[in-house]
Amino acid sequence: MSAVFDFQGLLVVVLLMICTCSYLRPRLGNFIHPKASGFLGVFGRFAVIGDRLSPFVSGACVTMAMTT
């Protein structure tokens, strides 16, 4: 089954996207910009979520690692 159809798989994909975008934002600042419009703006918004909510995101990653 695809990760899109399974709720837990979808959460794992979203958490990985948040972690990856917040990691790559300092390295690829022009590519991951939070005020960009369209599809590339989603990556910037994920990076902002990862920066601002990093304790909660890391806790969610640990919880998902234990349950998956």
PDB file of N, CA and C in Angstrom:
ATOM      1  N   MET A   1       0.838  -1.172   0.000  1.00  0.00           N
ATOM      2  CA  MET A   1       0.000   0.000   0.000  1.00  0.00           C
ATOM      3  C   MET A   1       0.889   1.244   0.000  1.00  0.00           C
ATOM      4  N   SER A   2       0.469   2.266  -0.673  1.00  0.00           N
ATOM      5  CA  SER A   2       1.231   3.502  -0.775  1.00  0.00           C
ATOM      6  C   SER A   2       1.162   4.287   0.541  1.00  0.00           C
ATOM      7  N   ALA A   3       2.174   5.106   0.783  1.00  0.00           N
ATOM      8  CA  ALA A   3       2.217   5.905   2.004  1.00  0.00           C
ATOM      9  C   ALA A   3       1.133   6.978   2.020  1.00  0.00           C
ATOM     10  N   VAL A   4       0.614   7.329   0.857  1.00  0.00           N
ATOM     11  CA  VAL A   4      -0.414   8.363   0.783  1.00  0.00           C
ATOM     12  C   VAL A   4      -1.740   7.855   1.336  1.00  0.00           C
ATOM     13  N   PHE A   5      -2.011   6.566   1.185  1.00  0.00           N
ATOM     14  CA  PHE A   5      -3.290   6.017   1.606  1.00  0.00           C
ATOM     15  C   PHE A   5      -3.304   5.572   3.063  1.00  0.00           C
ATOM     16  N   ASP A   6      -2.168   5.442   3.670  1.00  0.00           N
ATOM     17  CA  ASP A   6      -2.057   5.041   5.065  1.00  0.00           C
ATOM     18  C   ASP A   6      -1.766   6.291   5.897  1.00  0.00           C
ATOM     19  N   PHE A   7      -2.554   6.534   6.945  1.00  0.00           N
ATOM     20  CA  PHE A   7      -2.407   7.769   7.715  1.00  0.00           C
ATOM     21  C   PHE A   7      -1.053   7.838   8.408  1.00  0.00           C
ATOM     22  N   GLN A   8      -0.595   6.735   8.975  1.00  0.00           N
ATOM     23  CA  GLN A   8       0.697   6.734   9.646  1.00  0.00           C
ATOM     24  C   GLN A   8       1.828   6.953   8.641  1.00  0.00           C
ATOM     25  N   GLY A   9       1.702   6.373   7.467  1.00  0.00           N
ATOM     26  CA  GLY A   9       2.697   6.600   6.426  1.00  0.00           C
ATOM     27  C   GLY A   9       2.716   8.041   5.961  1.00  0.00           C
ATOM     28  N   LEU A  10       1.535   8.644   5.873  1.00  0.00           N
ATOM     29  CA  LEU A  10       1.446  10.050   5.492  1.00  0.00           C
ATOM     30  C   LEU A  10       2.114  10.936   6.539  1.00  0.00           C
ATOM     31  N   LEU A  11       1.916  10.621   7.816  1.00  0.00           N
ATOM     32  CA  LEU A  11       2.582  11.387   8.870  1.00  0.00           C
ATOM     33  C   LEU A  11       4.097  11.260   8.790  1.00  0.00           C
ATOM     34  N   VAL A  12       4.588  10.076   8.489  1.00  0.00           N
ATOM     35  CA  VAL A  12       6.031   9.868   8.361  1.00  0.00           C
ATOM     36  C   VAL A  12       6.576  10.686   7.192  1.00  0.00           C
ATOM     37  N   VAL A  13       5.866  10.692   6.070  1.00  0.00           N
ATOM     38  CA  VAL A  13       6.309  11.458   4.906  1.00  0.00           C
ATOM     39  C   VAL A  13       6.334  12.945   5.221  1.00  0.00           C
ATOM     40  N   VAL A  14       5.314  13.452   5.901  1.00  0.00           N
ATOM     41  CA  VAL A  14       5.262  14.875   6.243  1.00  0.00           C
ATOM     42  C   VAL A  14       6.383  15.229   7.228  1.00  0.00           C
ATOM     43  N   LEU A  15       6.631  14.384   8.212  1.00  0.00           N
ATOM     44  CA  LEU A  15       7.717  14.651   9.153  1.00  0.00           C
ATOM     45  C   LEU A  15       9.076  14.634   8.466  1.00  0.00           C
ATOM     46  N   LEU A  16       9.271  13.701   7.558  1.00  0.00           N
ATOM     47  CA  LEU A  16      10.538  13.668   6.822  1.00  0.00           C
ATOM     48  C   LEU A  16      10.705  14.895   5.932  1.00  0.00           C
ATOM     49  N   MET A  17       9.618  15.363   5.334  1.00  0.00           N
ATOM     50  CA  MET A  17       9.695  16.584   4.521  1.00  0.00           C
ATOM     51  C   MET A  17      10.025  17.799   5.368  1.00  0.00           C
ATOM     52  N   ILE A  18       9.426  17.889   6.564  1.00  0.00           N
ATOM     53  CA  ILE A  18       9.716  19.007   7.459  1.00  0.00           C
ATOM     54  C   ILE A  18      11.174  18.982   7.883  1.00  0.00           C
ATOM     55  N   CYS A  19      11.670  17.821   8.269  1.00  0.00           N
ATOM     56  CA  CYS A  19      13.064  17.714   8.710  1.00  0.00           C
ATOM     57  C   CYS A  19      14.037  17.987   7.573  1.00  0.00           C
ATOM     58  N   THR A  20      13.744  17.474   6.398  1.00  0.00           N
ATOM     59  CA  THR A  20      14.633  17.678   5.255  1.00  0.00           C
ATOM     60  C   THR A  20      14.659  19.133   4.820  1.00  0.00           C
ATOM     61  N   CYS A  21      13.509  19.770   4.766  1.00  0.00           N
ATOM     62  CA  CYS A  21      13.462  21.166   4.337  1.00  0.00           C
ATOM     63  C   CYS A  21      14.127  22.095   5.342  1.00  0.00           C
ATOM     64  N   SER A  22      13.948  21.838   6.627  1.00  0.00           N
ATOM     65  CA  SER A  22      14.602  22.692   7.623  1.00  0.00           C
ATOM     66  C   SER A  22      16.111  22.453   7.647  1.00  0.00           C
ATOM     67  N   TYR A  23      16.567  21.261   7.263  1.00  0.00           N
ATOM     68  CA  TYR A  23      18.001  20.991   7.172  1.00  0.00           C
ATOM     69  C   TYR A  23      18.611  21.657   5.936  1.00  0.00           C
ATOM     70  N   LEU A  24      17.896  21.636   4.821  1.00  0.00           N
ATOM     71  CA  LEU A  24      18.439  22.168   3.577  1.00  0.00           C
ATOM     72  C   LEU A  24      18.254  23.668   3.404  1.00  0.00           C
ATOM     73  N   ARG A  25      17.422  24.285   4.201  1.00  0.00           N
ATOM     74  CA  ARG A  25      17.150  25.718   4.027  1.00  0.00           C
ATOM     75  C   ARG A  25      18.393  26.591   4.164  1.00  0.00           C
ATOM     76  N   PRO A  26      19.277  26.394   5.148  1.00  0.00           N
ATOM     77  CA  PRO A  26      20.487  27.238   5.187  1.00  0.00           C
ATOM     78  C   PRO A  26      21.430  26.988   4.014  1.00  0.00           C
ATOM     79  N   ARG A  27      21.402  25.797   3.448  1.00  0.00           N
ATOM     80  CA  ARG A  27      22.301  25.459   2.356  1.00  0.00           C
ATOM     81  C   ARG A  27      21.752  25.879   0.999  1.00  0.00           C
ATOM     82  N   LEU A  28      20.443  25.833   0.834  1.00  0.00           N
ATOM     83  CA  LEU A  28      19.788  26.178  -0.429  1.00  0.00           C
ATOM     84  C   LEU A  28      18.771  27.287  -0.198  1.00  0.00           C
ATOM     85  N   GLY A  29      19.221  28.417   0.287  1.00  0.00           N
ATOM     86  CA  GLY A  29      18.321  29.504   0.664  1.00  0.00           C
ATOM     87  C   GLY A  29      17.479  30.038  -0.477  1.00  0.00           C
ATOM     88  N   ASN A  30      18.032  30.077  -1.688  1.00  0.00           N
ATOM     89  CA  ASN A  30      17.269  30.610  -2.814  1.00  0.00           C
ATOM     90  C   ASN A  30      16.206  29.630  -3.288  1.00  0.00           C
ATOM     91  N   PHE A  31      16.457  28.355  -3.122  1.00  0.00           N
ATOM     92  CA  PHE A  31      15.507  27.340  -3.582  1.00  0.00           C
ATOM     93  C   PHE A  31      14.364  27.147  -2.595  1.00  0.00           C
ATOM     94  N   ILE A  32      14.677  27.185  -1.309  1.00  0.00           N
ATOM     95  CA  ILE A  32      13.667  26.973  -0.266  1.00  0.00           C
ATOM     96  C   ILE A  32      13.393  28.320   0.396  1.00  0.00           C
ATOM     97  N   HIS A  33      12.466  29.042  -0.157  1.00  0.00           N
ATOM     98  CA  HIS A  33      12.117  30.376   0.343  1.00  0.00           C
ATOM     99  C   HIS A  33      10.677  30.349   0.837  1.00  0.00           C
ATOM    100  N   PRO A  34      10.424  30.762   2.093  1.00  0.00           N
ATOM    101  CA  PRO A  34       9.058  30.631   2.646  1.00  0.00           C
ATOM    102  C   PRO A  34       8.019  31.532   1.993  1.00  0.00           C
ATOM    103  N   LYS A  35       8.446  32.598   1.328  1.00  0.00           N
ATOM    104  CA  LYS A  35       7.469  33.495   0.711  1.00  0.00           C
ATOM    105  C   LYS A  35       7.295  33.242  -0.776  1.00  0.00           C
ATOM    106  N   ALA A  36       7.873  32.158  -1.261  1.00  0.00           N
ATOM    107  CA  ALA A  36       7.696  31.813  -2.668  1.00  0.00           C
ATOM    108  C   ALA A  36       6.271  31.311  -2.890  1.00  0.00           C
ATOM    109  N   SER A  37       5.797  31.531  -4.079  1.00  0.00           N
ATOM    110  CA  SER A  37       4.439  31.076  -4.389  1.00  0.00           C
ATOM    111  C   SER A  37       4.506  29.770  -5.162  1.00  0.00           C
ATOM    112  N   GLY A  38       3.420  29.051  -5.122  1.00  0.00           N
ATOM    113  CA  GLY A  38       3.335  27.816  -5.873  1.00  0.00           C
ATOM    114  C   GLY A  38       3.896  26.618  -5.127  1.00  0.00           C
ATOM    115  N   PHE A  39       4.346  25.647  -5.919  1.00  0.00           N
ATOM    116  CA  PHE A  39       4.794  24.372  -5.349  1.00  0.00           C
ATOM    117  C   PHE A  39       6.067  24.528  -4.527  1.00  0.00           C
ATOM    118  N   LEU A  40       6.992  25.379  -4.957  1.00  0.00           N
ATOM    119  CA  LEU A  40       8.249  25.547  -4.221  1.00  0.00           C
ATOM    120  C   LEU A  40       8.045  26.262  -2.882  1.00  0.00           C
ATOM    121  N   GLY A  41       6.968  27.021  -2.753  1.00  0.00           N
ATOM    122  CA  GLY A  41       6.674  27.686  -1.495  1.00  0.00           C
ATOM    123  C   GLY A  41       6.313  26.707  -0.392  1.00  0.00           C
ATOM    124  N   VAL A  42       5.834  25.519  -0.764  1.00  0.00           N
ATOM    125  CA  VAL A  42       5.493  24.495   0.233  1.00  0.00           C
ATOM    126  C   VAL A  42       6.747  24.051   0.971  1.00  0.00           C
ATOM    127  N   PHE A  43       7.864  23.907   0.247  1.00  0.00           N
ATOM    128  CA  PHE A  43       9.111  23.512   0.887  1.00  0.00           C
ATOM    129  C   PHE A  43       9.577  24.569   1.886  1.00  0.00           C
ATOM    130  N   GLY A  44       9.415  25.836   1.541  1.00  0.00           N
ATOM    131  CA  GLY A  44       9.784  26.914   2.449  1.00  0.00           C
ATOM    132  C   GLY A  44       8.906  26.942   3.686  1.00  0.00           C
ATOM    133  N   ARG A  45       7.642  26.644   3.520  1.00  0.00           N
ATOM    134  CA  ARG A  45       6.733  26.614   4.671  1.00  0.00           C
ATOM    135  C   ARG A  45       7.040  25.428   5.576  1.00  0.00           C
ATOM    136  N   PHE A  46       7.410  24.293   4.987  1.00  0.00           N
ATOM    137  CA  PHE A  46       7.852  23.155   5.791  1.00  0.00           C
ATOM    138  C   PHE A  46       9.107  23.515   6.586  1.00  0.00           C
ATOM    139  N   ALA A  47      10.019  24.276   5.978  1.00  0.00           N
ATOM    140  CA  ALA A  47      11.245  24.672   6.664  1.00  0.00           C
ATOM    141  C   ALA A  47      10.947  25.597   7.835  1.00  0.00           C
ATOM    142  N   VAL A  48       9.997  26.499   7.658  1.00  0.00           N
ATOM    143  CA  VAL A  48       9.614  27.404   8.747  1.00  0.00           C
ATOM    144  C   VAL A  48       8.981  26.623   9.894  1.00  0.00           C
ATOM    145  N   ILE A  49       8.139  25.658   9.565  1.00  0.00           N
ATOM    146  CA  ILE A  49       7.538  24.818  10.602  1.00  0.00           C
ATOM    147  C   ILE A  49       8.619  24.068  11.361  1.00  0.00           C
ATOM    148  N   GLY A  50       9.598  23.528  10.640  1.00  0.00           N
ATOM    149  CA  GLY A  50      10.686  22.804  11.287  1.00  0.00           C
ATOM    150  C   GLY A  50      11.546  23.683  12.165  1.00  0.00           C
ATOM    151  N   ASP A  51      11.742  24.945  11.771  1.00  0.00           N
ATOM    152  CA  ASP A  51      12.550  25.864  12.573  1.00  0.00           C
ATOM    153  C   ASP A  51      11.812  26.320  13.826  1.00  0.00           C
ATOM    154  N   ARG A  52      10.564  26.646  13.687  1.00  0.00           N
ATOM    155  CA  ARG A  52       9.812  27.207  14.817  1.00  0.00           C
ATOM    156  C   ARG A  52       9.335  26.147  15.803  1.00  0.00           C
ATOM    157  N   LEU A  53       9.013  24.975  15.329  1.00  0.00           N
ATOM    158  CA  LEU A  53       8.477  23.924  16.190  1.00  0.00           C
ATOM    159  C   LEU A  53       9.451  22.753  16.324  1.00  0.00           C
ATOM    160  N   SER A  54      10.747  23.042  16.359  1.00  0.00           N
ATOM    161  CA  SER A  54      11.739  21.965  16.339  1.00  0.00           C
ATOM    162  C   SER A  54      11.632  20.998  17.520  1.00  0.00           C
ATOM    163  N   PRO A  55      11.331  21.429  18.754  1.00  0.00           N
ATOM    164  CA  PRO A  55      11.191  20.429  19.827  1.00  0.00           C
ATOM    165  C   PRO A  55      10.022  19.476  19.590  1.00  0.00           C
ATOM    166  N   PHE A  56       8.913  19.994  19.075  1.00  0.00           N
ATOM    167  CA  PHE A  56       7.750  19.159  18.822  1.00  0.00           C
ATOM    168  C   PHE A  56       7.982  18.236  17.629  1.00  0.00           C
ATOM    169  N   VAL A  57       8.668  18.744  16.608  1.00  0.00           N
ATOM    170  CA  VAL A  57       8.962  17.924  15.428  1.00  0.00           C
ATOM    171  C   VAL A  57       9.914  16.799  15.802  1.00  0.00           C
ATOM    172  N   SER A  58      10.931  17.099  16.604  1.00  0.00           N
ATOM    173  CA  SER A  58      11.870  16.048  17.009  1.00  0.00           C
ATOM    174  C   SER A  58      11.180  15.021  17.904  1.00  0.00           C
ATOM    175  N   GLY A  59      10.291  15.466  18.765  1.00  0.00           N
ATOM    176  CA  GLY A  59       9.527  14.520  19.579  1.00  0.00           C
ATOM    177  C   GLY A  59       8.623  13.638  18.742  1.00  0.00           C
ATOM    178  N   ALA A  60       8.016  14.237  17.721  1.00  0.00           N
ATOM    179  CA  ALA A  60       7.169  13.465  16.815  1.00  0.00           C
ATOM    180  C   ALA A  60       7.992  12.459  16.011  1.00  0.00           C
ATOM    181  N   CYS A  61       9.209  12.831  15.636  1.00  0.00           N
ATOM    182  CA  CYS A  61      10.092  11.909  14.899  1.00  0.00           C
ATOM    183  C   CYS A  61      10.489  10.732  15.770  1.00  0.00           C
ATOM    184  N   VAL A  62      10.800  11.000  17.026  1.00  0.00           N
ATOM    185  CA  VAL A  62      11.165   9.907  17.942  1.00  0.00           C
ATOM    186  C   VAL A  62       9.957   8.993  18.165  1.00  0.00           C
ATOM    187  N   THR A  63       8.788   9.582  18.345  1.00  0.00           N
ATOM    188  CA  THR A  63       7.579   8.770  18.544  1.00  0.00           C
ATOM    189  C   THR A  63       7.272   7.924  17.319  1.00  0.00           C
ATOM    190  N   MET A  64       7.392   8.497  16.143  1.00  0.00           N
ATOM    191  CA  MET A  64       7.140   7.738  14.921  1.00  0.00           C
ATOM    192  C   MET A  64       8.190   6.642  14.718  1.00  0.00           C
ATOM    193  N   ALA A  65       9.430   6.911  15.134  1.00  0.00           N
ATOM    194  CA  ALA A  65      10.467   5.877  15.022  1.00  0.00           C
ATOM    195  C   ALA A  65      10.176   4.693  15.919  1.00  0.00           C
ATOM    196  N   MET A  66       9.611   4.952  17.079  1.00  0.00           N
ATOM    197  CA  MET A  66       9.296   3.854  17.997  1.00  0.00           C
ATOM    198  C   MET A  66       8.070   3.058  17.557  1.00  0.00           C
ATOM    199  N   THR A  67       7.122   3.699  16.888  1.00  0.00           N
ATOM    200  CA  THR A  67       5.896   3.023  16.514  1.00  0.00           C
ATOM    201  C   THR A  67       5.945   2.393  15.127  1.00  0.00           C
ATOM    202  N   THR A  68       6.859   2.830  14.299  1.00  0.00           N
ATOM    203  CA  THR A  68       6.927   2.317  12.918  1.00  0.00           C
ATOM    204  C   THR A  68       7.865   1.131  12.840  1.00  0.00           C
TER     205      THR A  68
END
